[in-house]
Amino acid sequence: MDRELKQDHERTSVSGSQQPVARARREEVVNFDPRVLRAPFLLRCAALFIDYIVLMAVPVLGLVITQLIGGKAGAPGALTWLLTTLVGLSNFIFLPMLTSQTVGKMLTGLRITASDGTPASAVAILFRNVVGYLVTLLTLGIGLLIAGIVPSGRALHDYLSGTMVVYAKRRRL
């Protein structure tokens, strides 16, 4: 079942003109049921696995390139770790704050929303992906496993930040 959205369109005429001018649109979520729209636990795990592959691809490619150009074998260099850090920050912090999705969520069709189905704020996503992930990590992954048990499909970091992960598809009314 897709999430239904209702849009309010406000039109006014410009003084002295018969042309209507579109004003800001407001989206309101109707018929939101988190149990229906929640992302399946295994799909969330697949998205996280894709994000892990994206992150680990940088040091692996760094090692391969170092070997191909005749460099010494061993640990990746400082540039490789800098690029890994930038990719990690981009995928887990900046990209979700802008699009509500990581690369893994984009490829699996998932999106981070507020727990009421409205778009999640950048602050909520930042809190979720920094503090929430840290707390979930400190529970040795139990905080993530909660998503597979509770009917709403929310993990510990979702509860802490007031968010949830749903299918990204939506239907406009």
N, C-alpha and C. Protein backbone atom coordinates (compact mmCIF):
# COMPACT_ATOMS: atom_id res chain seq x y z
N MET A 1 0.85 -1.18 0.00
CA MET A 1 0.00 0.00 0.00
C MET A 1 0.89 1.23 0.00
N ASP A 2 0.65 2.15 -0.92
CA ASP A 2 1.44 3.37 -0.99
C ASP A 2 0.91 4.41 -0.02
N ARG A 3 1.81 5.25 0.41
CA ARG A 3 1.43 6.35 1.27
C ARG A 3 0.72 7.39 0.41
N GLU A 4 -0.42 7.86 0.88
CA GLU A 4 -1.18 8.85 0.13
C GLU A 4 -0.82 10.23 0.64
N LEU A 5 -0.67 11.17 -0.28
CA LEU A 5 -0.36 12.54 0.09
C LEU A 5 -1.44 13.47 -0.44
N LYS A 6 -1.82 14.42 0.38
CA LYS A 6 -2.79 15.42 -0.03
C LYS A 6 -2.05 16.75 -0.11
N GLN A 7 -2.19 17.45 -1.21
CA GLN A 7 -1.53 18.73 -1.38
C GLN A 7 -2.55 19.84 -1.39
N ASP A 8 -2.20 20.91 -0.69
CA ASP A 8 -3.03 22.11 -0.71
C ASP A 8 -2.40 23.09 -1.69
N HIS A 9 -3.17 23.54 -2.64
CA HIS A 9 -2.70 24.53 -3.60
C HIS A 9 -3.44 25.82 -3.33
N GLU A 10 -2.68 26.86 -3.11
CA GLU A 10 -3.28 28.16 -2.86
C GLU A 10 -2.97 29.03 -4.07
N ARG A 11 -3.99 29.54 -4.69
CA ARG A 11 -3.79 30.39 -5.86
C ARG A 11 -4.38 31.77 -5.58
N THR A 12 -3.61 32.77 -5.90
CA THR A 12 -4.08 34.15 -5.77
C THR A 12 -3.74 34.88 -7.04
N SER A 13 -4.41 35.95 -7.29
CA SER A 13 -4.11 36.72 -8.48
C SER A 13 -3.20 37.89 -8.11
N VAL A 14 -2.30 38.19 -9.01
CA VAL A 14 -1.39 39.31 -8.82
C VAL A 14 -2.20 40.57 -9.07
N SER A 15 -1.96 41.59 -8.25
CA SER A 15 -2.74 42.83 -8.37
C SER A 15 -2.66 43.38 -9.79
N GLY A 16 -3.83 43.63 -10.36
CA GLY A 16 -3.91 44.17 -11.71
C GLY A 16 -3.76 43.12 -12.79
N SER A 17 -3.60 41.87 -12.44
CA SER A 17 -3.39 40.81 -13.43
C SER A 17 -4.42 39.72 -13.22
N GLN A 18 -4.81 39.11 -14.29
CA GLN A 18 -5.75 38.00 -14.22
C GLN A 18 -5.04 36.66 -14.10
N GLN A 19 -3.68 36.66 -14.13
CA GLN A 19 -2.90 35.43 -14.06
C GLN A 19 -2.85 34.90 -12.63
N PRO A 20 -3.24 33.64 -12.38
CA PRO A 20 -3.09 33.08 -11.04
C PRO A 20 -1.62 32.78 -10.75
N VAL A 21 -1.21 32.95 -9.52
CA VAL A 21 0.16 32.69 -9.10
C VAL A 21 0.13 31.56 -8.07
N ALA A 22 0.96 30.56 -8.28
CA ALA A 22 1.01 29.42 -7.35
C ALA A 22 1.78 29.83 -6.10
N ARG A 23 1.23 29.51 -4.95
CA ARG A 23 1.89 29.76 -3.65
C ARG A 23 2.54 28.47 -3.16
N ALA A 24 3.19 28.54 -2.03
CA ALA A 24 3.86 27.37 -1.46
C ALA A 24 2.86 26.24 -1.25
N ARG A 25 3.31 25.03 -1.54
CA ARG A 25 2.45 23.86 -1.40
C ARG A 25 2.77 23.18 -0.08
N ARG A 26 1.77 22.63 0.54
CA ARG A 26 1.92 21.94 1.80
C ARG A 26 1.47 20.50 1.60
N GLU A 27 2.30 19.56 2.01
CA GLU A 27 1.94 18.16 1.92
C GLU A 27 1.45 17.68 3.28
N GLU A 28 0.39 16.94 3.26
CA GLU A 28 -0.17 16.38 4.48
C GLU A 28 -0.35 14.88 4.26
N VAL A 29 0.16 14.09 5.18
CA VAL A 29 0.06 12.64 5.05
C VAL A 29 -1.31 12.19 5.53
N VAL A 30 -1.99 11.39 4.72
CA VAL A 30 -3.29 10.85 5.09
C VAL A 30 -3.22 9.33 5.04
N ASN A 31 -4.00 8.69 5.87
CA ASN A 31 -4.06 7.23 5.92
C ASN A 31 -2.69 6.59 6.15
N PHE A 32 -1.87 7.17 7.03
CA PHE A 32 -0.54 6.64 7.29
C PHE A 32 -0.63 5.51 8.30
N ASP A 33 -0.14 4.35 7.92
CA ASP A 33 -0.11 3.20 8.81
C ASP A 33 1.31 2.63 8.78
N PRO A 34 2.11 2.87 9.84
CA PRO A 34 3.50 2.42 9.81
C PRO A 34 3.66 0.92 9.68
N ARG A 35 2.70 0.13 10.13
CA ARG A 35 2.82 -1.32 10.00
C ARG A 35 2.75 -1.76 8.54
N VAL A 36 2.03 -1.00 7.71
CA VAL A 36 1.89 -1.36 6.30
C VAL A 36 3.09 -0.86 5.50
N LEU A 37 3.57 0.34 5.80
CA LEU A 37 4.62 0.96 5.00
C LEU A 37 6.03 0.69 5.50
N ARG A 38 6.16 0.07 6.65
CA ARG A 38 7.49 -0.14 7.21
C ARG A 38 8.34 -0.99 6.28
N ALA A 39 9.63 -0.72 6.33
CA ALA A 39 10.56 -1.49 5.52
C ALA A 39 10.81 -2.84 6.17
N PRO A 40 10.77 -3.93 5.41
CA PRO A 40 11.06 -5.24 5.99
C PRO A 40 12.48 -5.28 6.55
N PHE A 41 12.65 -6.01 7.62
CA PHE A 41 13.93 -6.07 8.31
C PHE A 41 15.05 -6.53 7.38
N LEU A 42 14.81 -7.57 6.61
CA LEU A 42 15.87 -8.07 5.71
C LEU A 42 16.23 -7.07 4.62
N LEU A 43 15.27 -6.28 4.18
CA LEU A 43 15.56 -5.25 3.19
C LEU A 43 16.41 -4.14 3.81
N ARG A 44 16.12 -3.80 5.07
CA ARG A 44 16.96 -2.83 5.79
C ARG A 44 18.38 -3.36 5.94
N CYS A 45 18.51 -4.66 6.22
CA CYS A 45 19.84 -5.27 6.34
C CYS A 45 20.56 -5.23 4.99
N ALA A 46 19.84 -5.45 3.90
CA ALA A 46 20.43 -5.40 2.56
C ALA A 46 20.94 -3.98 2.27
N ALA A 47 20.16 -2.97 2.64
CA ALA A 47 20.57 -1.58 2.42
C ALA A 47 21.84 -1.27 3.22
N LEU A 48 21.89 -1.75 4.46
CA LEU A 48 23.08 -1.54 5.30
C LEU A 48 24.29 -2.27 4.71
N PHE A 49 24.08 -3.46 4.16
CA PHE A 49 25.17 -4.21 3.54
C PHE A 49 25.69 -3.48 2.30
N ILE A 50 24.81 -2.91 1.51
CA ILE A 50 25.23 -2.12 0.34
C ILE A 50 26.04 -0.91 0.79
N ASP A 51 25.59 -0.23 1.85
CA ASP A 51 26.34 0.91 2.37
C ASP A 51 27.73 0.49 2.85
N TYR A 52 27.82 -0.70 3.45
CA TYR A 52 29.11 -1.22 3.90
C TYR A 52 30.02 -1.49 2.70
N ILE A 53 29.46 -2.07 1.64
CA ILE A 53 30.26 -2.33 0.43
C ILE A 53 30.77 -1.02 -0.16
N VAL A 54 29.92 -0.01 -0.23
CA VAL A 54 30.34 1.30 -0.75
C VAL A 54 31.50 1.85 0.08
N LEU A 55 31.38 1.75 1.39
CA LEU A 55 32.41 2.27 2.28
C LEU A 55 33.72 1.48 2.13
N MET A 56 33.65 0.17 2.09
CA MET A 56 34.85 -0.67 2.03
C MET A 56 35.49 -0.69 0.64
N ALA A 57 34.75 -0.27 -0.39
CA ALA A 57 35.30 -0.25 -1.74
C ALA A 57 36.48 0.72 -1.85
N VAL A 58 36.45 1.79 -1.08
CA VAL A 58 37.52 2.80 -1.18
C VAL A 58 38.87 2.25 -0.72
N PRO A 59 39.00 1.70 0.49
CA PRO A 59 40.33 1.18 0.86
C PRO A 59 40.76 -0.02 0.01
N VAL A 60 39.81 -0.84 -0.41
CA VAL A 60 40.17 -1.98 -1.27
C VAL A 60 40.71 -1.47 -2.60
N LEU A 61 40.03 -0.50 -3.20
CA LEU A 61 40.52 0.07 -4.46
C LEU A 61 41.86 0.76 -4.25
N GLY A 62 42.02 1.40 -3.10
CA GLY A 62 43.30 2.05 -2.79
C GLY A 62 44.45 1.05 -2.75
N LEU A 63 44.20 -0.10 -2.13
CA LEU A 63 45.23 -1.15 -2.08
C LEU A 63 45.53 -1.70 -3.47
N VAL A 64 44.48 -1.92 -4.26
CA VAL A 64 44.66 -2.47 -5.61
C VAL A 64 45.46 -1.48 -6.47
N ILE A 65 45.11 -0.22 -6.41
CA ILE A 65 45.82 0.79 -7.21
C ILE A 65 47.27 0.90 -6.76
N THR A 66 47.51 0.85 -5.46
CA THR A 66 48.87 0.90 -4.95
C THR A 66 49.69 -0.26 -5.49
N GLN A 67 49.12 -1.45 -5.53
CA GLN A 67 49.82 -2.63 -6.05
C GLN A 67 50.07 -2.50 -7.55
N LEU A 68 49.09 -1.95 -8.28
CA LEU A 68 49.23 -1.84 -9.73
C LEU A 68 50.30 -0.84 -10.14
N ILE A 69 50.49 0.21 -9.35
CA ILE A 69 51.50 1.20 -9.73
C ILE A 69 52.86 0.90 -9.09
N GLY A 70 52.97 -0.27 -8.46
CA GLY A 70 54.26 -0.71 -7.95
C GLY A 70 54.59 -0.22 -6.55
N GLY A 71 53.60 0.21 -5.82
CA GLY A 71 53.84 0.66 -4.45
C GLY A 71 54.08 -0.52 -3.53
N LYS A 72 54.48 -0.19 -2.29
CA LYS A 72 54.75 -1.28 -1.35
C LYS A 72 53.45 -1.84 -0.78
N ALA A 73 53.48 -3.11 -0.50
CA ALA A 73 52.31 -3.78 0.06
C ALA A 73 52.15 -3.39 1.52
N GLY A 74 50.94 -3.49 2.00
CA GLY A 74 50.70 -3.18 3.41
C GLY A 74 49.38 -2.47 3.58
N ALA A 75 49.33 -1.64 4.61
CA ALA A 75 48.10 -0.91 4.92
C ALA A 75 47.87 0.22 3.94
N PRO A 76 46.61 0.60 3.73
CA PRO A 76 46.33 1.73 2.85
C PRO A 76 46.97 3.02 3.38
N GLY A 77 47.29 3.92 2.49
CA GLY A 77 47.93 5.17 2.87
C GLY A 77 46.95 6.19 3.41
N ALA A 78 47.49 7.34 3.78
CA ALA A 78 46.70 8.41 4.39
C ALA A 78 45.63 8.94 3.43
N LEU A 79 45.96 9.05 2.15
CA LEU A 79 44.98 9.54 1.17
C LEU A 79 43.81 8.58 1.05
N THR A 80 44.08 7.29 1.08
CA THR A 80 43.02 6.30 1.01
C THR A 80 42.08 6.42 2.21
N TRP A 81 42.64 6.59 3.40
CA TRP A 81 41.81 6.73 4.60
C TRP A 81 41.03 8.03 4.59
N LEU A 82 41.63 9.09 4.04
CA LEU A 82 40.91 10.37 3.92
C LEU A 82 39.72 10.21 2.99
N LEU A 83 39.93 9.55 1.84
CA LEU A 83 38.83 9.31 0.91
C LEU A 83 37.76 8.42 1.51
N THR A 84 38.17 7.41 2.28
CA THR A 84 37.21 6.53 2.95
C THR A 84 36.36 7.32 3.93
N THR A 85 37.00 8.20 4.69
CA THR A 85 36.27 9.04 5.65
C THR A 85 35.28 9.96 4.92
N LEU A 86 35.71 10.56 3.82
CA LEU A 86 34.81 11.45 3.06
C LEU A 86 33.62 10.68 2.48
N VAL A 87 33.87 9.49 1.95
CA VAL A 87 32.77 8.67 1.41
C VAL A 87 31.82 8.28 2.54
N GLY A 88 32.36 7.88 3.68
CA GLY A 88 31.53 7.50 4.83
C GLY A 88 30.68 8.66 5.32
N LEU A 89 31.28 9.83 5.49
CA LEU A 89 30.52 11.01 5.93
C LEU A 89 29.46 11.39 4.91
N SER A 90 29.82 11.32 3.64
CA SER A 90 28.86 11.66 2.59
C SER A 90 27.67 10.70 2.59
N ASN A 91 27.95 9.40 2.69
CA ASN A 91 26.89 8.41 2.59
C ASN A 91 26.04 8.31 3.86
N PHE A 92 26.64 8.45 5.01
CA PHE A 92 25.90 8.25 6.26
C PHE A 92 25.40 9.55 6.91
N ILE A 93 25.95 10.70 6.50
CA ILE A 93 25.54 11.96 7.13
C ILE A 93 24.92 12.92 6.10
N PHE A 94 25.72 13.37 5.15
CA PHE A 94 25.28 14.43 4.25
C PHE A 94 24.19 13.99 3.28
N LEU A 95 24.36 12.87 2.63
CA LEU A 95 23.36 12.38 1.68
C LEU A 95 22.01 12.13 2.35
N PRO A 96 21.95 11.45 3.50
CA PRO A 96 20.65 11.29 4.17
C PRO A 96 20.02 12.61 4.61
N MET A 97 20.85 13.57 5.02
CA MET A 97 20.29 14.87 5.43
C MET A 97 19.65 15.59 4.25
N LEU A 98 20.18 15.37 3.05
CA LEU A 98 19.65 16.03 1.85
C LEU A 98 18.52 15.25 1.20
N THR A 99 18.62 13.91 1.19
CA THR A 99 17.67 13.10 0.42
C THR A 99 16.86 12.11 1.26
N SER A 100 17.17 12.00 2.54
CA SER A 100 16.55 11.00 3.43
C SER A 100 16.91 9.57 3.04
N GLN A 101 18.00 9.40 2.31
CA GLN A 101 18.41 8.07 1.86
C GLN A 101 19.93 7.98 1.80
N THR A 102 20.46 6.81 2.13
CA THR A 102 21.84 6.48 1.84
C THR A 102 21.86 5.82 0.46
N VAL A 103 23.04 5.50 -0.04
CA VAL A 103 23.12 4.80 -1.32
C VAL A 103 22.39 3.46 -1.23
N GLY A 104 22.58 2.75 -0.13
CA GLY A 104 21.90 1.46 0.06
C GLY A 104 20.40 1.60 0.09
N LYS A 105 19.89 2.63 0.76
CA LYS A 105 18.44 2.85 0.81
C LYS A 105 17.91 3.24 -0.57
N MET A 106 18.68 4.02 -1.33
CA MET A 106 18.25 4.38 -2.69
C MET A 106 18.11 3.13 -3.56
N LEU A 107 19.10 2.24 -3.47
CA LEU A 107 19.09 1.05 -4.32
C LEU A 107 18.03 0.04 -3.90
N THR A 108 17.61 0.07 -2.63
CA THR A 108 16.58 -0.86 -2.16
C THR A 108 15.20 -0.21 -2.09
N GLY A 109 15.09 1.08 -2.43
CA GLY A 109 13.79 1.76 -2.45
C GLY A 109 13.27 2.15 -1.08
N LEU A 110 14.16 2.44 -0.15
CA LEU A 110 13.75 2.83 1.20
C LEU A 110 14.02 4.30 1.44
N ARG A 111 13.32 4.87 2.43
CA ARG A 111 13.49 6.28 2.78
C ARG A 111 13.29 6.45 4.28
N ILE A 112 14.04 7.37 4.87
CA ILE A 112 13.88 7.72 6.28
C ILE A 112 12.80 8.79 6.36
N THR A 113 11.79 8.58 7.21
CA THR A 113 10.74 9.57 7.43
C THR A 113 10.59 9.80 8.92
N ALA A 114 9.83 10.83 9.27
CA ALA A 114 9.45 11.01 10.67
C ALA A 114 8.48 9.88 11.02
N SER A 115 8.32 9.61 12.30
CA SER A 115 7.49 8.46 12.70
C SER A 115 6.02 8.63 12.34
N ASP A 116 5.60 9.86 12.00
CA ASP A 116 4.22 10.09 11.58
C ASP A 116 4.06 10.06 10.06
N GLY A 117 5.14 9.78 9.34
CA GLY A 117 5.08 9.66 7.88
C GLY A 117 5.47 10.91 7.13
N THR A 118 5.63 12.03 7.82
CA THR A 118 6.06 13.26 7.16
C THR A 118 7.57 13.19 6.91
N PRO A 119 8.09 14.05 6.05
CA PRO A 119 9.55 14.03 5.81
C PRO A 119 10.31 14.30 7.11
N ALA A 120 11.36 13.55 7.34
CA ALA A 120 12.19 13.73 8.53
C ALA A 120 13.06 14.98 8.36
N SER A 121 13.25 15.70 9.45
CA SER A 121 14.09 16.90 9.39
C SER A 121 15.56 16.50 9.31
N ALA A 122 16.38 17.42 8.81
CA ALA A 122 17.81 17.17 8.72
C ALA A 122 18.41 16.95 10.11
N VAL A 123 17.90 17.66 11.10
CA VAL A 123 18.40 17.51 12.48
C VAL A 123 18.07 16.12 13.01
N ALA A 124 16.86 15.64 12.75
CA ALA A 124 16.47 14.30 13.20
C ALA A 124 17.33 13.23 12.54
N ILE A 125 17.60 13.40 11.26
CA ILE A 125 18.44 12.43 10.54
C ILE A 125 19.88 12.49 11.04
N LEU A 126 20.39 13.70 11.29
CA LEU A 126 21.73 13.84 11.84
C LEU A 126 21.83 13.14 13.20
N PHE A 127 20.85 13.37 14.07
CA PHE A 127 20.83 12.73 15.39
C PHE A 127 20.74 11.21 15.24
N ARG A 128 19.86 10.76 14.34
CA ARG A 128 19.67 9.32 14.10
C ARG A 128 20.96 8.66 13.67
N ASN A 129 21.65 9.29 12.70
CA ASN A 129 22.82 8.66 12.10
C ASN A 129 24.11 8.87 12.87
N VAL A 130 24.13 9.76 13.84
CA VAL A 130 25.32 9.95 14.66
C VAL A 130 25.10 9.34 16.04
N VAL A 131 24.23 9.93 16.82
CA VAL A 131 23.99 9.46 18.19
C VAL A 131 23.27 8.11 18.18
N GLY A 132 22.23 8.00 17.37
CA GLY A 132 21.45 6.77 17.33
C GLY A 132 22.26 5.56 16.90
N TYR A 133 23.07 5.72 15.83
CA TYR A 133 23.91 4.60 15.38
C TYR A 133 24.95 4.25 16.44
N LEU A 134 25.49 5.25 17.13
CA LEU A 134 26.47 4.98 18.17
C LEU A 134 25.85 4.18 19.32
N VAL A 135 24.66 4.57 19.75
CA VAL A 135 23.97 3.83 20.81
C VAL A 135 23.64 2.42 20.34
N THR A 136 23.18 2.27 19.10
CA THR A 136 22.88 0.95 18.54
C THR A 136 24.15 0.10 18.49
N LEU A 137 25.26 0.70 18.11
CA LEU A 137 26.53 -0.02 18.08
C LEU A 137 26.95 -0.46 19.48
N LEU A 138 26.73 0.40 20.47
CA LEU A 138 27.08 0.07 21.86
C LEU A 138 26.25 -1.09 22.41
N THR A 139 25.07 -1.32 21.84
CA THR A 139 24.24 -2.47 22.26
C THR A 139 24.64 -3.74 21.52
N LEU A 140 25.75 -3.67 20.78
CA LEU A 140 26.27 -4.81 20.01
C LEU A 140 25.27 -5.30 18.96
N GLY A 141 24.51 -4.38 18.40
CA GLY A 141 23.58 -4.71 17.33
C GLY A 141 22.19 -5.07 17.78
N ILE A 142 21.98 -5.19 19.07
CA ILE A 142 20.64 -5.52 19.56
C ILE A 142 19.65 -4.42 19.20
N GLY A 143 20.13 -3.17 19.22
CA GLY A 143 19.27 -2.04 18.85
C GLY A 143 18.75 -2.14 17.43
N LEU A 144 19.53 -2.75 16.55
CA LEU A 144 19.08 -2.96 15.16
C LEU A 144 18.12 -4.14 15.07
N LEU A 145 18.39 -5.18 15.84
CA LEU A 145 17.53 -6.37 15.82
C LEU A 145 16.10 -6.07 16.29
N ILE A 146 15.94 -5.01 17.06
CA ILE A 146 14.60 -4.61 17.52
C ILE A 146 13.68 -4.39 16.32
N ALA A 147 14.23 -3.88 15.22
CA ALA A 147 13.43 -3.60 14.03
C ALA A 147 12.80 -4.87 13.46
N GLY A 148 13.41 -6.01 13.68
CA GLY A 148 12.87 -7.27 13.19
C GLY A 148 11.80 -7.85 14.08
N ILE A 149 11.63 -7.28 15.27
CA ILE A 149 10.70 -7.83 16.25
C ILE A 149 9.44 -6.98 16.42
N VAL A 150 9.61 -5.66 16.52
CA VAL A 150 8.46 -4.79 16.81
C VAL A 150 7.60 -4.60 15.56
N PRO A 151 6.28 -4.46 15.72
CA PRO A 151 5.38 -4.32 14.57
C PRO A 151 5.65 -3.08 13.71
N SER A 152 6.15 -2.01 14.32
CA SER A 152 6.40 -0.79 13.55
C SER A 152 7.67 -0.89 12.72
N GLY A 153 8.53 -1.87 12.99
CA GLY A 153 9.77 -2.04 12.23
C GLY A 153 10.83 -1.01 12.54
N ARG A 154 10.70 -0.33 13.68
CA ARG A 154 11.65 0.72 14.04
C ARG A 154 12.78 0.14 14.89
N ALA A 155 14.01 0.55 14.58
CA ALA A 155 15.18 0.15 15.36
C ALA A 155 15.40 1.16 16.48
N LEU A 156 16.35 0.88 17.35
CA LEU A 156 16.62 1.75 18.49
C LEU A 156 16.95 3.17 18.04
N HIS A 157 17.76 3.31 17.01
CA HIS A 157 18.12 4.65 16.52
C HIS A 157 16.90 5.37 15.94
N ASP A 158 15.92 4.64 15.44
CA ASP A 158 14.68 5.26 14.97
C ASP A 158 13.86 5.77 16.15
N TYR A 159 13.76 4.99 17.20
CA TYR A 159 13.02 5.42 18.40
C TYR A 159 13.67 6.65 19.02
N LEU A 160 14.99 6.67 19.09
CA LEU A 160 15.70 7.80 19.70
C LEU A 160 15.50 9.10 18.92
N SER A 161 15.39 9.00 17.61
CA SER A 161 15.30 10.20 16.78
C SER A 161 13.90 10.52 16.27
N GLY A 162 12.92 9.68 16.58
CA GLY A 162 11.55 9.92 16.11
C GLY A 162 11.38 9.68 14.62
N THR A 163 12.14 8.72 14.09
CA THR A 163 12.08 8.42 12.65
C THR A 163 11.69 6.97 12.43
N MET A 164 11.50 6.62 11.18
CA MET A 164 11.31 5.23 10.78
C MET A 164 11.71 5.10 9.32
N VAL A 165 11.93 3.88 8.87
CA VAL A 165 12.30 3.63 7.48
C VAL A 165 11.12 2.98 6.79
N VAL A 166 10.72 3.55 5.63
CA VAL A 166 9.56 3.07 4.89
C VAL A 166 9.95 2.90 3.42
N TYR A 167 9.05 2.27 2.67
CA TYR A 167 9.23 2.23 1.22
C TYR A 167 9.16 3.66 0.70
N ALA A 168 9.97 3.98 -0.30
CA ALA A 168 10.07 5.36 -0.79
C ALA A 168 8.96 5.74 -1.75
N LYS A 169 8.19 4.77 -2.21
CA LYS A 169 7.14 5.07 -3.17
C LYS A 169 6.02 5.83 -2.49
N ARG A 170 5.39 6.74 -3.23
CA ARG A 170 4.24 7.43 -2.70
C ARG A 170 3.30 7.79 -3.85
N ARG A 171 2.07 8.00 -3.51
CA ARG A 171 1.06 8.30 -4.52
C ARG A 171 0.50 9.69 -4.25
N ARG A 172 0.43 10.51 -5.25
CA ARG A 172 -0.13 11.85 -5.10
C ARG A 172 -1.63 11.83 -5.41
N LEU A 173 -2.38 12.56 -4.61
CA LEU A 173 -3.83 12.65 -4.84
C LEU A 173 -4.15 13.77 -5.79
